[in-house]
């Protein structure tokens, strides 16, 4: 059963937004190749880190909303861990909205 996920990826593009566009297109192809259709891509732009862990002081933030099997997500995570252009990645499962039950007061 496919679940809905939100994935925040921080890209190492060294300040070039043209490079970010190419990397995002390649990542979209990787998602589709793993059987994870993308619902939405939100480009959040280049942001400075609060503290730098190494040589990189900023990254290009991209948010993907997609549907995938848990096994496909694990394969994507493993593949993108080896990708030098992906600095960090974080995934969150988005649960289906539960209907809210409204309780009506009983007549006395």
Protein backbone atom coordinates (compact mmCIF):
# COMPACT_ATOMS: atom_id res chain seq x y z
CA UNK A 1 0.00 0.00 0.00
CA UNK A 2 1.40 3.37 -0.99
CA UNK A 3 1.70 5.97 1.72
CA UNK A 4 1.91 9.71 1.28
CA UNK A 5 5.25 11.24 2.27
CA UNK A 6 6.87 14.64 2.49
CA UNK A 7 10.60 14.74 1.85
CA UNK A 8 12.81 17.72 2.66
CA UNK A 9 16.08 17.61 0.77
CA UNK A 10 18.96 20.06 1.16
CA UNK A 11 21.00 20.23 -2.02
CA UNK A 12 24.68 21.06 -2.31
CA UNK A 13 24.70 23.25 -5.42
CA UNK A 14 27.40 25.74 -4.36
CA UNK A 15 25.16 28.79 -4.88
CA UNK A 16 24.15 28.21 -8.50
CA UNK A 17 20.37 28.08 -8.89
CA UNK A 18 20.74 26.79 -12.45
CA UNK A 19 22.55 23.78 -11.00
CA UNK A 20 19.70 23.33 -8.54
CA UNK A 21 17.17 23.12 -11.37
CA UNK A 22 19.16 20.34 -13.05
CA UNK A 23 19.55 18.42 -9.78
CA UNK A 24 15.83 18.72 -9.00
CA UNK A 25 14.91 17.38 -12.46
CA UNK A 26 17.28 14.45 -11.93
CA UNK A 27 15.79 13.77 -8.48
CA UNK A 28 12.26 13.83 -9.90
CA UNK A 29 13.33 11.19 -12.42
CA UNK A 30 14.83 9.10 -9.58
CA UNK A 31 11.56 9.27 -7.63
CA UNK A 32 9.53 8.19 -10.68
CA UNK A 33 12.01 5.40 -11.43
CA UNK A 34 11.44 3.97 -7.94
CA UNK A 35 7.66 4.03 -8.44
CA UNK A 36 7.04 7.12 -6.32
CA UNK A 37 4.86 9.57 -8.27
CA UNK A 38 5.44 13.17 -7.19
CA UNK A 39 2.42 15.20 -6.18
CA UNK A 40 4.16 18.52 -5.52
CA UNK A 41 7.63 20.08 -5.62
CA UNK A 42 8.25 23.19 -3.55
CA UNK A 43 11.52 25.01 -4.17
CA UNK A 44 12.33 26.95 -1.02
CA UNK A 45 15.53 28.52 -2.25
CA UNK A 46 19.04 28.91 -0.95
CA UNK A 47 19.34 29.35 2.84
CA UNK A 48 22.24 29.86 5.21
CA UNK A 49 22.78 27.24 7.92
CA UNK A 50 22.69 28.28 11.58
CA UNK A 51 26.03 26.59 11.99
CA UNK A 52 28.22 25.07 9.34
CA UNK A 53 29.19 21.45 9.61
CA UNK A 54 32.19 21.38 7.33
CA UNK A 55 32.85 23.40 4.20
CA UNK A 56 29.22 23.99 3.25
CA UNK A 57 27.63 27.13 4.74
CA UNK A 58 24.31 27.09 2.85
CA UNK A 59 22.08 24.76 0.89
CA UNK A 60 19.18 24.80 -1.57
CA UNK A 61 16.03 23.51 0.16
CA UNK A 62 13.47 21.48 -1.80
CA UNK A 63 10.30 19.87 -0.46
CA UNK A 64 8.79 16.87 -2.30
CA UNK A 65 5.30 15.48 -1.63
CA UNK A 66 4.95 12.00 -3.11
CA UNK A 67 3.33 8.56 -2.79
CA UNK A 68 5.52 5.50 -2.27
CA UNK A 69 5.75 2.05 -0.77
CA UNK A 70 7.90 1.87 2.39
CA UNK A 71 10.39 -0.34 0.54
CA UNK A 72 10.68 2.20 -2.28
CA UNK A 73 11.31 4.95 0.25
CA UNK A 74 14.13 2.94 1.82
CA UNK A 75 15.70 2.41 -1.62
CA UNK A 76 15.39 6.13 -2.42
CA UNK A 77 16.99 7.09 0.90
CA UNK A 78 19.89 4.70 0.33
CA UNK A 79 20.41 5.92 -3.23
CA UNK A 80 20.29 9.62 -2.31
CA UNK A 81 22.66 9.08 0.62
CA UNK A 82 25.33 8.22 -1.96
CA UNK A 83 24.50 11.25 -4.12
CA UNK A 84 27.01 14.06 -3.56
CA UNK A 85 24.53 16.77 -4.58
CA UNK A 86 22.13 15.80 -1.74
CA UNK A 87 23.55 17.22 1.48
CA UNK A 88 20.72 16.20 3.87
CA UNK A 89 17.39 14.42 3.56
CA UNK A 90 14.44 13.98 5.90
CA UNK A 91 11.17 12.13 5.24
CA UNK A 92 7.85 12.38 7.05
CA UNK A 93 4.82 10.20 6.50
CA UNK A 94 1.70 12.28 6.03
CA UNK A 95 -1.28 10.44 7.45
CA UNK A 96 -4.68 10.48 5.85
CA UNK A 97 -6.98 13.07 7.32
CA UNK A 98 -9.31 11.43 9.81
CA UNK A 99 -12.89 12.60 9.79
CA UNK A 100 -13.79 14.55 12.89
CA UNK A 101 -16.77 13.16 14.77
CA UNK A 102 -18.97 15.86 16.19
CA UNK A 103 -20.74 14.89 19.37
CA UNK A 104 -24.21 16.28 19.73
CA UNK A 105 -25.63 16.82 23.21
CA UNK A 106 -28.50 14.52 24.09
CA UNK A 107 -31.85 15.94 24.98
CA UNK A 108 -32.75 15.51 28.64
